[in-house]
PDB file of N, CA and C in Angstrom:
ATOM      1  N   MET A   1      19.331  -4.069   1.012  1.00  0.00           N
ATOM      2  CA  MET A   1      19.417  -4.302   2.310  1.00  0.00           C
ATOM      3  C   MET A   1      20.230  -3.451   3.276  1.00  0.00           C
ATOM      4  N   LYS A   2      21.483  -3.354   2.530  1.00  0.00           N
ATOM      5  CA  LYS A   2      22.512  -2.250   3.254  1.00  0.00           C
ATOM      6  C   LYS A   2      21.792  -0.781   3.470  1.00  0.00           C
ATOM      7  N   THR A   3      21.187  -0.430   2.320  1.00  0.00           N
ATOM      8  CA  THR A   3      20.507   0.874   2.539  1.00  0.00           C
ATOM      9  C   THR A   3      19.624   1.106   3.596  1.00  0.00           C
ATOM     10  N   GLY A   4      18.814  -0.161   3.688  1.00  0.00           N
ATOM     11  CA  GLY A   4      17.902   0.014   5.060  1.00  0.00           C
ATOM     12  C   GLY A   4      18.746   0.091   6.214  1.00  0.00           C
ATOM     13  N   PHE A   5      19.913  -0.726   6.548  1.00  0.00           N
ATOM     14  CA  PHE A   5      20.545  -0.659   7.744  1.00  0.00           C
ATOM     15  C   PHE A   5      21.160   0.731   8.000  1.00  0.00           C
ATOM     16  N   VAL A   6      21.873   1.191   6.836  1.00  0.00           N
ATOM     17  CA  VAL A   6      22.291   2.715   6.855  1.00  0.00           C
ATOM     18  C   VAL A   6      21.302   3.637   7.173  1.00  0.00           C
ATOM     19  N   PHE A   7      19.935   3.459   6.950  1.00  0.00           N
ATOM     20  CA  PHE A   7      18.966   4.396   7.033  1.00  0.00           C
ATOM     21  C   PHE A   7      18.717   4.196   8.569  1.00  0.00           C
ATOM     22  N   ILE A   8      18.570   3.096   9.149  1.00  0.00           N
ATOM     23  CA  ILE A   8      18.238   2.908  10.426  1.00  0.00           C
ATOM     24  C   ILE A   8      19.306   3.538  11.389  1.00  0.00           C
ATOM     25  N   ALA A   9      20.638   3.253  10.860  1.00  0.00           N
ATOM     26  CA  ALA A   9      21.561   3.590  11.750  1.00  0.00           C
ATOM     27  C   ALA A   9      21.863   5.240  11.686  1.00  0.00           C
ATOM     28  N   ALA A  10      21.393   5.768  10.855  1.00  0.00           N
ATOM     29  CA  ALA A  10      21.315   7.280  10.720  1.00  0.00           C
ATOM     30  C   ALA A  10      20.134   8.270  11.166  1.00  0.00           C
ATOM     31  N   VAL A  11      19.305   7.243  11.696  1.00  0.00           N
ATOM     32  CA  VAL A  11      18.019   7.798  12.354  1.00  0.00           C
ATOM     33  C   VAL A  11      18.624   8.325  13.817  1.00  0.00           C
ATOM     34  N   SER A  12      17.954   9.286  14.093  1.00  0.00           N
ATOM     35  CA  SER A  12      18.329   9.854  15.606  1.00  0.00           C
ATOM     36  C   SER A  12      17.317   8.847  16.656  1.00  0.00           C
ATOM     37  N   THR A  13      17.807   9.050  17.732  1.00  0.00           N
ATOM     38  CA  THR A  13      17.024   8.223  18.911  1.00  0.00           C
ATOM     39  C   THR A  13      15.681   8.725  18.824  1.00  0.00           C
ATOM     40  N   GLU A  14      15.340  10.177  18.891  1.00  0.00           N
ATOM     41  CA  GLU A  14      14.168  10.684  19.227  1.00  0.00           C
ATOM     42  C   GLU A  14      13.348  10.333  17.889  1.00  0.00           C
ATOM     43  N   SER A  15      13.768  10.121  16.801  1.00  0.00           N
ATOM     44  CA  SER A  15      13.137   9.827  15.462  1.00  0.00           C
ATOM     45  C   SER A  15      12.779   8.356  15.656  1.00  0.00           C
ATOM     46  N   ALA A  16      13.467   7.572  16.260  1.00  0.00           N
ATOM     47  CA  ALA A  16      13.075   6.137  16.235  1.00  0.00           C
ATOM     48  C   ALA A  16      12.126   5.801  17.261  1.00  0.00           C
ATOM     49  N   LEU A  17      12.277   6.559  18.494  1.00  0.00           N
ATOM     50  CA  LEU A  17      10.960   6.391  19.527  1.00  0.00           C
ATOM     51  C   LEU A  17       9.795   6.942  18.821  1.00  0.00           C
ATOM     52  N   SER A  18       9.759   8.071  17.995  1.00  0.00           N
ATOM     53  CA  SER A  18       8.686   8.573  17.545  1.00  0.00           C
ATOM     54  C   SER A  18       8.060   7.463  16.445  1.00  0.00           C
ATOM     55  N   LEU A  19       9.045   6.926  15.707  1.00  0.00           N
ATOM     56  CA  LEU A  19       8.442   6.108  14.883  1.00  0.00           C
ATOM     57  C   LEU A  19       7.783   4.706  15.470  1.00  0.00           C
ATOM     58  N   LEU A  20       8.349   4.204  16.683  1.00  0.00           N
ATOM     59  CA  LEU A  20       7.888   3.279  17.369  1.00  0.00           C
ATOM     60  C   LEU A  20       6.536   3.522  18.108  1.00  0.00           C
ATOM     61  N   LYS A  21       6.655   4.737  18.563  1.00  0.00           N
ATOM     62  CA  LYS A  21       5.313   5.007  19.186  1.00  0.00           C
ATOM     63  C   LYS A  21       4.118   5.040  18.206  1.00  0.00           C
ATOM     64  N   GLU A  22       4.155   5.558  16.974  1.00  0.00           N
ATOM     65  CA  GLU A  22       3.407   5.444  15.960  1.00  0.00           C
ATOM     66  C   GLU A  22       2.791   4.150  15.415  1.00  0.00           C
ATOM     67  N   THR A  23       3.793   3.151  15.512  1.00  0.00           N
ATOM     68  CA  THR A  23       3.744   1.783  15.085  1.00  0.00           C
ATOM     69  C   THR A  23       2.793   1.109  16.410  1.00  0.00           C
ATOM     70  N   VAL A  24       3.288   1.556  17.598  1.00  0.00           N
ATOM     71  CA  VAL A  24       2.372   0.746  18.707  1.00  0.00           C
ATOM     72  C   VAL A  24       0.949   1.242  18.579  1.00  0.00           C
ATOM     73  N   MET A  25       0.878   2.564  18.239  1.00  0.00           N
ATOM     74  CA  MET A  25      -0.491   3.203  18.144  1.00  0.00           C
ATOM     75  C   MET A  25      -1.228   2.474  17.269  1.00  0.00           C
ATOM     76  N   LYS A  26      -0.668   2.133  16.043  1.00  0.00           N
ATOM     77  CA  LYS A  26      -1.455   1.450  14.970  1.00  0.00           C
ATOM     78  C   LYS A  26      -1.837   0.035  14.989  1.00  0.00           C
ATOM     79  N   LEU A  27      -1.517  -0.601  16.316  1.00  0.00           N
ATOM     80  CA  LEU A  27      -1.630  -2.132  16.463  1.00  0.00           C
ATOM     81  C   LEU A  27      -3.171  -2.047  16.972  1.00  0.00           C
ATOM     82  N   ASP A  28      -3.629  -3.233  16.311  1.00  0.00           N
ATOM     83  CA  ASP A  28      -5.135  -3.594  16.474  1.00  0.00           C
ATOM     84  C   ASP A  28      -5.233  -4.528  17.851  1.00  0.00           C
ATOM     85  N   VAL A  29      -5.393  -3.799  19.094  1.00  0.00           N
ATOM     86  CA  VAL A  29      -5.257  -4.784  20.283  1.00  0.00           C
ATOM     87  C   VAL A  29      -6.546  -5.817  20.481  1.00  0.00           C
ATOM     88  N   HIS A  30      -7.575  -5.546  19.886  1.00  0.00           N
ATOM     89  CA  HIS A  30      -8.653  -6.714  19.825  1.00  0.00           C
ATOM     90  C   HIS A  30      -8.179  -7.911  19.250  1.00  0.00           C
ATOM     91  N   LYS A  31      -7.346  -7.616  18.112  1.00  0.00           N
ATOM     92  CA  LYS A  31      -6.414  -8.981  17.564  1.00  0.00           C
ATOM     93  C   LYS A  31      -5.640  -9.772  18.347  1.00  0.00           C
ATOM     94  N   MET A  32      -4.912  -8.723  19.365  1.00  0.00           N
ATOM     95  CA  MET A  32      -3.972  -9.478  20.063  1.00  0.00           C
ATOM     96  C   MET A  32      -4.600 -10.247  21.074  1.00  0.00           C
ATOM     97  N   THR A  33      -5.610  -9.797  21.742  1.00  0.00           N
ATOM     98  CA  THR A  33      -6.388 -10.381  22.752  1.00  0.00           C
ATOM     99  C   THR A  33      -6.978 -11.553  22.258  1.00  0.00           C
ATOM    100  N   ASP A  34      -7.342 -12.035  21.179  1.00  0.00           N
ATOM    101  CA  ASP A  34      -7.994 -13.238  20.769  1.00  0.00           C
ATOM    102  C   ASP A  34      -7.060 -14.140  20.673  1.00  0.00           C
ATOM    103  N   ALA A  35      -5.487 -13.981  20.714  1.00  0.00           N
ATOM    104  CA  ALA A  35      -4.799 -15.168  20.711  1.00  0.00           C
ATOM    105  C   ALA A  35      -4.625 -15.817  22.042  1.00  0.00           C
ATOM    106  N   PRO A  36      -4.239 -17.069  21.983  1.00  0.00           N
ATOM    107  CA  PRO A  36      -4.012 -17.955  23.093  1.00  0.00           C
ATOM    108  C   PRO A  36      -3.093 -17.360  23.869  1.00  0.00           C
ATOM    109  N   ILE A  37      -3.229 -17.265  25.296  1.00  0.00           N
ATOM    110  CA  ILE A  37      -2.223 -16.822  26.152  1.00  0.00           C
ATOM    111  C   ILE A  37      -1.207 -18.097  26.797  1.00  0.00           C
ATOM    112  N   TRP A  38      -0.070 -18.030  26.557  1.00  0.00           N
ATOM    113  CA  TRP A  38       0.834 -18.988  27.020  1.00  0.00           C
ATOM    114  C   TRP A  38       0.933 -18.796  28.577  1.00  0.00           C
ATOM    115  N   SER A  39       1.029 -19.973  29.285  1.00  0.00           N
ATOM    116  CA  SER A  39       1.273 -19.909  30.717  1.00  0.00           C
ATOM    117  C   SER A  39       2.258 -20.978  31.231  1.00  0.00           C
ATOM    118  N   ILE A  40       3.215 -20.553  32.016  1.00  0.00           N
ATOM    119  CA  ILE A  40       4.318 -21.350  32.581  1.00  0.00           C
ATOM    120  C   ILE A  40       3.481 -22.321  33.617  1.00  0.00           C
ATOM    121  N   GLU A  41       2.580 -21.748  34.274  1.00  0.00           N
ATOM    122  CA  GLU A  41       2.052 -22.639  34.989  1.00  0.00           C
ATOM    123  C   GLU A  41       1.339 -24.060  34.462  1.00  0.00           C
ATOM    124  N   HIS A  42       0.677 -23.919  33.202  1.00  0.00           N
ATOM    125  CA  HIS A  42       0.322 -24.969  32.697  1.00  0.00           C
ATOM    126  C   HIS A  42       1.374 -25.915  32.025  1.00  0.00           C
ATOM    127  N   PHE A  43       2.450 -25.259  31.859  1.00  0.00           N
ATOM    128  CA  PHE A  43       3.922 -26.163  31.348  1.00  0.00           C
ATOM    129  C   PHE A  43       4.317 -27.055  32.433  1.00  0.00           C
ATOM    130  N   LEU A  44       4.394 -26.264  33.538  1.00  0.00           N
ATOM    131  CA  LEU A  44       4.974 -26.933  34.859  1.00  0.00           C
ATOM    132  C   LEU A  44       4.041 -28.059  35.214  1.00  0.00           C
ATOM    133  N   ASN A  45       2.657 -27.761  35.054  1.00  0.00           N
ATOM    134  CA  ASN A  45       1.760 -29.131  35.731  1.00  0.00           C
ATOM    135  C   ASN A  45       1.843 -30.119  34.700  1.00  0.00           C
ATOM    136  N   GLU A  46       2.221 -29.997  33.475  1.00  0.00           N
ATOM    137  CA  GLU A  46       2.233 -30.883  32.317  1.00  0.00           C
ATOM    138  C   GLU A  46       3.800 -31.651  32.729  1.00  0.00           C
ATOM    139  N   VAL A  47       4.645 -31.159  33.195  1.00  0.00           N
ATOM    140  CA  VAL A  47       5.902 -31.752  33.244  1.00  0.00           C
ATOM    141  C   VAL A  47       6.118 -32.496  34.593  1.00  0.00           C
ATOM    142  N   GLN A  48       5.913 -31.834  35.538  1.00  0.00           N
ATOM    143  CA  GLN A  48       5.712 -32.384  37.205  1.00  0.00           C
ATOM    144  C   GLN A  48       4.368 -32.775  37.543  1.00  0.00           C
ATOM    145  N   PRO A  49       4.288 -33.985  38.290  1.00  0.00           N
ATOM    146  CA  PRO A  49       3.190 -34.412  39.011  1.00  0.00           C
ATOM    147  C   PRO A  49       2.709 -33.269  39.941  1.00  0.00           C
ATOM    148  N   GLU A  50       1.472 -33.004  40.292  1.00  0.00           N
ATOM    149  CA  GLU A  50       0.886 -32.137  41.349  1.00  0.00           C
ATOM    150  C   GLU A  50       1.265 -32.819  42.626  1.00  0.00           C
ATOM    151  N   PHE A  51       1.791 -32.240  43.635  1.00  0.00           N
ATOM    152  CA  PHE A  51       2.103 -32.386  44.807  1.00  0.00           C
ATOM    153  C   PHE A  51       1.159 -32.047  45.900  1.00  0.00           C
ATOM    154  N   THR A  52       0.831 -32.568  46.882  1.00  0.00           N
ATOM    155  CA  THR A  52      -0.164 -31.936  47.861  1.00  0.00           C
ATOM    156  C   THR A  52       0.487 -32.004  49.373  1.00  0.00           C
ATOM    157  N   ALA A  53      -0.039 -31.294  50.072  1.00  0.00           N
ATOM    158  CA  ALA A  53       0.577 -31.218  51.527  1.00  0.00           C
ATOM    159  C   ALA A  53       0.443 -32.459  52.267  1.00  0.00           C
ATOM    160  N   ASN A  54       1.193 -32.851  53.104  1.00  0.00           N
ATOM    161  CA  ASN A  54       0.860 -34.226  53.937  1.00  0.00           C
ATOM    162  C   ASN A  54       1.452 -35.334  52.975  1.00  0.00           C
ATOM    163  N   SER A  55       2.272 -35.266  52.104  1.00  0.00           N
ATOM    164  CA  SER A  55       2.676 -36.304  50.878  1.00  0.00           C
ATOM    165  C   SER A  55       4.161 -36.489  51.287  1.00  0.00           C
ATOM    166  N   TRP A  56       4.638 -37.689  51.059  1.00  0.00           N
ATOM    167  CA  TRP A  56       5.946 -37.869  51.218  1.00  0.00           C
ATOM    168  C   TRP A  56       6.589 -37.940  49.695  1.00  0.00           C
ATOM    169  N   VAL A  57       7.715 -37.329  49.828  1.00  0.00           N
ATOM    170  CA  VAL A  57       8.420 -37.347  48.475  1.00  0.00           C
ATOM    171  C   VAL A  57       9.943 -37.860  48.557  1.00  0.00           C
ATOM    172  N   GLN A  58      10.573 -38.158  47.615  1.00  0.00           N
ATOM    173  CA  GLN A  58      11.878 -38.625  47.509  1.00  0.00           C
ATOM    174  C   GLN A  58      12.741 -37.407  47.392  1.00  0.00           C
ATOM    175  N   LEU A  59      14.116 -37.220  48.253  1.00  0.00           N
ATOM    176  CA  LEU A  59      14.671 -36.044  47.900  1.00  0.00           C
ATOM    177  C   LEU A  59      15.683 -36.410  47.002  1.00  0.00           C
ATOM    178  N   GLN A  60      16.250 -35.444  46.214  1.00  0.00           N
ATOM    179  CA  GLN A  60      17.368 -35.539  45.420  1.00  0.00           C
ATOM    180  C   GLN A  60      18.691 -35.275  45.674  1.00  0.00           C
ATOM    181  N   ASP A  61      18.686 -34.504  46.820  1.00  0.00           N
ATOM    182  CA  ASP A  61      19.660 -33.933  47.509  1.00  0.00           C
ATOM    183  C   ASP A  61      19.541 -34.118  49.022  1.00  0.00           C
ATOM    184  N   LEU A  62      20.414 -34.700  49.686  1.00  0.00           N
ATOM    185  CA  LEU A  62      20.059 -34.663  51.268  1.00  0.00           C
ATOM    186  C   LEU A  62      20.535 -33.323  51.911  1.00  0.00           C
ATOM    187  N   PRO A  63      19.725 -32.763  52.678  1.00  0.00           N
ATOM    188  CA  PRO A  63      20.240 -31.596  53.592  1.00  0.00           C
ATOM    189  C   PRO A  63      21.229 -31.742  54.409  1.00  0.00           C
ATOM    190  N   SER A  64      21.591 -32.853  54.987  1.00  0.00           N
ATOM    191  CA  SER A  64      22.475 -33.351  55.702  1.00  0.00           C
ATOM    192  C   SER A  64      23.326 -34.598  55.552  1.00  0.00           C
ATOM    193  N   ASP A  65      24.408 -35.231  55.820  1.00  0.00           N
ATOM    194  CA  ASP A  65      24.680 -36.445  55.796  1.00  0.00           C
ATOM    195  C   ASP A  65      23.759 -37.419  56.645  1.00  0.00           C
ATOM    196  N   TYR A  66      23.347 -36.932  57.585  1.00  0.00           N
ATOM    197  CA  TYR A  66      22.601 -37.905  58.513  1.00  0.00           C
ATOM    198  C   TYR A  66      21.210 -37.983  58.325  1.00  0.00           C
ATOM    199  N   SER A  67      20.447 -37.213  57.485  1.00  0.00           N
ATOM    200  CA  SER A  67      19.089 -36.889  57.351  1.00  0.00           C
ATOM    201  C   SER A  67      18.685 -38.096  56.414  1.00  0.00           C
ATOM    202  N   HIS A  68      17.425 -38.401  56.658  1.00  0.00           N
ATOM    203  CA  HIS A  68      16.750 -39.476  55.658  1.00  0.00           C
ATOM    204  C   HIS A  68      16.761 -38.761  54.183  1.00  0.00           C
ATOM    205  N   ASP A  69      16.434 -39.756  53.524  1.00  0.00           N
ATOM    206  CA  ASP A  69      16.198 -39.494  52.106  1.00  0.00           C
ATOM    207  C   ASP A  69      14.751 -39.320  51.513  1.00  0.00           C
ATOM    208  N   GLU A  70      13.742 -38.859  52.375  1.00  0.00           N
ATOM    209  CA  GLU A  70      12.458 -38.620  51.982  1.00  0.00           C
ATOM    210  C   GLU A  70      12.026 -37.525  52.923  1.00  0.00           C
ATOM    211  N   ALA A  71      11.034 -36.806  52.646  1.00  0.00           N
ATOM    212  CA  ALA A  71      10.466 -35.571  53.231  1.00  0.00           C
ATOM    213  C   ALA A  71       9.207 -35.417  53.024  1.00  0.00           C
ATOM    214  N   LEU A  72       8.333 -35.009  54.293  1.00  0.00           N
ATOM    215  CA  LEU A  72       7.126 -34.760  54.263  1.00  0.00           C
ATOM    216  C   LEU A  72       6.802 -33.422  53.981  1.00  0.00           C
ATOM    217  N   LEU A  73       6.012 -33.116  52.697  1.00  0.00           N
ATOM    218  CA  LEU A  73       5.553 -31.903  52.358  1.00  0.00           C
ATOM    219  C   LEU A  73       4.561 -31.077  53.126  1.00  0.00           C
ATOM    220  N   LEU A  74       4.787 -30.011  53.922  1.00  0.00           N
ATOM    221  CA  LEU A  74       3.844 -29.424  54.968  1.00  0.00           C
ATOM    222  C   LEU A  74       3.115 -28.172  54.045  1.00  0.00           C
ATOM    223  N   CYS A  75       3.754 -27.400  53.360  1.00  0.00           N
ATOM    224  CA  CYS A  75       2.926 -26.233  52.910  1.00  0.00           C
ATOM    225  C   CYS A  75       3.471 -25.655  51.628  1.00  0.00           C
ATOM    226  N   GLN A  76       2.828 -25.325  50.635  1.00  0.00           N
ATOM    227  CA  GLN A  76       3.243 -24.818  49.421  1.00  0.00           C
ATOM    228  C   GLN A  76       3.509 -23.146  49.504  1.00  0.00           C
ATOM    229  N   LEU A  77       4.964 -22.831  49.080  1.00  0.00           N
ATOM    230  CA  LEU A  77       5.179 -21.459  49.344  1.00  0.00           C
ATOM    231  C   LEU A  77       5.018 -20.531  47.886  1.00  0.00           C
ATOM    232  N   SER A  78       5.250 -21.288  46.967  1.00  0.00           N
ATOM    233  CA  SER A  78       5.004 -20.648  45.579  1.00  0.00           C
ATOM    234  C   SER A  78       4.957 -22.055  44.613  1.00  0.00           C
ATOM    235  N   HIS A  79       4.952 -21.668  43.190  1.00  0.00           N
ATOM    236  CA  HIS A  79       4.759 -22.625  42.232  1.00  0.00           C
ATOM    237  C   HIS A  79       5.963 -23.832  42.369  1.00  0.00           C
ATOM    238  N   ASP A  80       7.084 -23.448  42.610  1.00  0.00           N
ATOM    239  CA  ASP A  80       8.105 -24.399  42.696  1.00  0.00           C
ATOM    240  C   ASP A  80       8.841 -24.476  44.279  1.00  0.00           C
ATOM    241  N   GLU A  81       8.297 -24.133  45.415  1.00  0.00           N
ATOM    242  CA  GLU A  81       8.881 -24.311  46.410  1.00  0.00           C
ATOM    243  C   GLU A  81       8.084 -24.630  47.450  1.00  0.00           C
ATOM    244  N   TRP A  82       8.334 -25.555  48.320  1.00  0.00           N
ATOM    245  CA  TRP A  82       7.787 -26.108  49.413  1.00  0.00           C
ATOM    246  C   TRP A  82       8.319 -26.210  51.104  1.00  0.00           C
ATOM    247  N   VAL A  83       7.480 -26.036  52.097  1.00  0.00           N
ATOM    248  CA  VAL A  83       8.206 -26.228  53.270  1.00  0.00           C
ATOM    249  C   VAL A  83       8.072 -27.607  53.544  1.00  0.00           C
ATOM    250  N   ALA A  84       8.840 -28.233  54.106  1.00  0.00           N
ATOM    251  CA  ALA A  84       9.080 -29.782  54.400  1.00  0.00           C
ATOM    252  C   ALA A  84       9.648 -30.220  55.578  1.00  0.00           C
ATOM    253  N   TRP A  85       9.419 -31.271  55.890  1.00  0.00           N
ATOM    254  CA  TRP A  85       9.885 -31.809  57.256  1.00  0.00           C
ATOM    255  C   TRP A  85      10.696 -32.850  56.824  1.00  0.00           C
ATOM    256  N   VAL A  86      12.035 -33.167  57.038  1.00  0.00           N
ATOM    257  CA  VAL A  86      12.908 -34.218  56.837  1.00  0.00           C
ATOM    258  C   VAL A  86      13.444 -34.832  58.156  1.00  0.00           C
ATOM    259  N   PRO A  87      12.947 -36.093  58.339  1.00  0.00           N
ATOM    260  CA  PRO A  87      13.635 -36.788  59.491  1.00  0.00           C
ATOM    261  C   PRO A  87      14.767 -36.668  59.824  1.00  0.00           C
ATOM    262  N   GLN A  88      15.415 -36.379  61.176  1.00  0.00           N
ATOM    263  CA  GLN A  88      16.733 -36.472  61.458  1.00  0.00           C
ATOM    264  C   GLN A  88      17.383 -35.274  60.924  1.00  0.00           C
ATOM    265  N   HIS A  89      16.754 -34.231  60.410  1.00  0.00           N
ATOM    266  CA  HIS A  89      17.239 -33.120  60.223  1.00  0.00           C
ATOM    267  C   HIS A  89      16.290 -31.659  60.505  1.00  0.00           C
ATOM    268  N   GLY A  90      14.902 -31.819  60.224  1.00  0.00           N
ATOM    269  CA  GLY A  90      13.950 -30.733  60.673  1.00  0.00           C
ATOM    270  C   GLY A  90      13.573 -29.886  59.369  1.00  0.00           C
ATOM    271  N   GLU A  91      12.944 -28.690  59.490  1.00  0.00           N
ATOM    272  CA  GLU A  91      12.221 -28.266  58.460  1.00  0.00           C
ATOM    273  C   GLU A  91      12.921 -27.652  57.523  1.00  0.00           C
ATOM    274  N   VAL A  92      12.808 -27.744  56.301  1.00  0.00           N
ATOM    275  CA  VAL A  92      13.673 -27.208  55.136  1.00  0.00           C
ATOM    276  C   VAL A  92      12.547 -26.326  54.166  1.00  0.00           C
ATOM    277  N   ILE A  93      13.113 -25.786  53.139  1.00  0.00           N
ATOM    278  CA  ILE A  93      12.522 -25.217  52.047  1.00  0.00           C
ATOM    279  C   ILE A  93      13.154 -26.004  51.100  1.00  0.00           C
ATOM    280  N   LEU A  94      12.318 -26.776  50.066  1.00  0.00           N
ATOM    281  CA  LEU A  94      12.751 -27.422  49.017  1.00  0.00           C
ATOM    282  C   LEU A  94      12.131 -26.709  47.477  1.00  0.00           C
ATOM    283  N   HIS A  95      13.065 -26.690  46.672  1.00  0.00           N
ATOM    284  CA  HIS A  95      12.641 -26.232  45.361  1.00  0.00           C
ATOM    285  C   HIS A  95      12.226 -27.490  44.688  1.00  0.00           C
ATOM    286  N   ALA A  96      11.336 -27.215  43.671  1.00  0.00           N
ATOM    287  CA  ALA A  96      10.588 -28.433  43.025  1.00  0.00           C
ATOM    288  C   ALA A  96      11.781 -29.502  42.279  1.00  0.00           C
ATOM    289  N   HIS A  97      12.888 -28.828  42.042  1.00  0.00           N
ATOM    290  CA  HIS A  97      13.883 -29.681  41.227  1.00  0.00           C
ATOM    291  C   HIS A  97      14.749 -30.569  42.121  1.00  0.00           C
ATOM    292  N   GLN A  98      14.363 -30.530  43.772  1.00  0.00           N
ATOM    293  CA  GLN A  98      15.068 -31.218  44.712  1.00  0.00           C
ATOM    294  C   GLN A  98      14.723 -32.285  45.271  1.00  0.00           C
ATOM    295  N   PHE A  99      13.152 -32.639  44.614  1.00  0.00           N
ATOM    296  CA  PHE A  99      12.442 -33.862  44.922  1.00  0.00           C
ATOM    297  C   PHE A  99      11.711 -34.464  44.080  1.00  0.00           C
ATOM    298  N   CYS A 100      11.108 -35.936  44.123  1.00  0.00           N
ATOM    299  CA  CYS A 100      10.181 -36.233  43.246  1.00  0.00           C
ATOM    300  C   CYS A 100       9.341 -37.198  43.877  1.00  0.00           C
ATOM    301  N   ALA A 101       8.243 -37.885  43.054  1.00  0.00           N
ATOM    302  CA  ALA A 101       7.430 -38.723  43.722  1.00  0.00           C
ATOM    303  C   ALA A 101       8.250 -39.923  44.347  1.00  0.00           C
ATOM    304  N   LEU A 102       7.673 -40.505  45.326  1.00  0.00           N
ATOM    305  CA  LEU A 102       8.170 -41.648  45.643  1.00  0.00           C
ATOM    306  C   LEU A 102       8.124 -42.862  44.748  1.00  0.00           C
ATOM    307  N   HIS A 103       8.967 -43.864  44.657  1.00  0.00           N
ATOM    308  CA  HIS A 103       8.783 -44.869  43.490  1.00  0.00           C
ATOM    309  C   HIS A 103       8.064 -45.985  44.357  1.00  0.00           C
TER     310      HIS A 103
END
């Protein structure tokens, strides 16, 4: 095992890059595309419920001391961001970790 390590350490950067290019060229692309593709979107949908525009949610953190603890979702900006309206505060951008479904 030590000799392999010494060999790798002794290889120049150009030789290592050349070896890496040769290895990549030998990969069978068809075998790689048959593998299932993991998606973060699927994971997020399993972990959090789907929220829709015009639905009320419970806030985890209040935007101000005087605002309500619920918000109305107006529109989705990204997979984890929403534009929402909070009574006694106004419009805010909420991240998914800042709210949950109403109890």
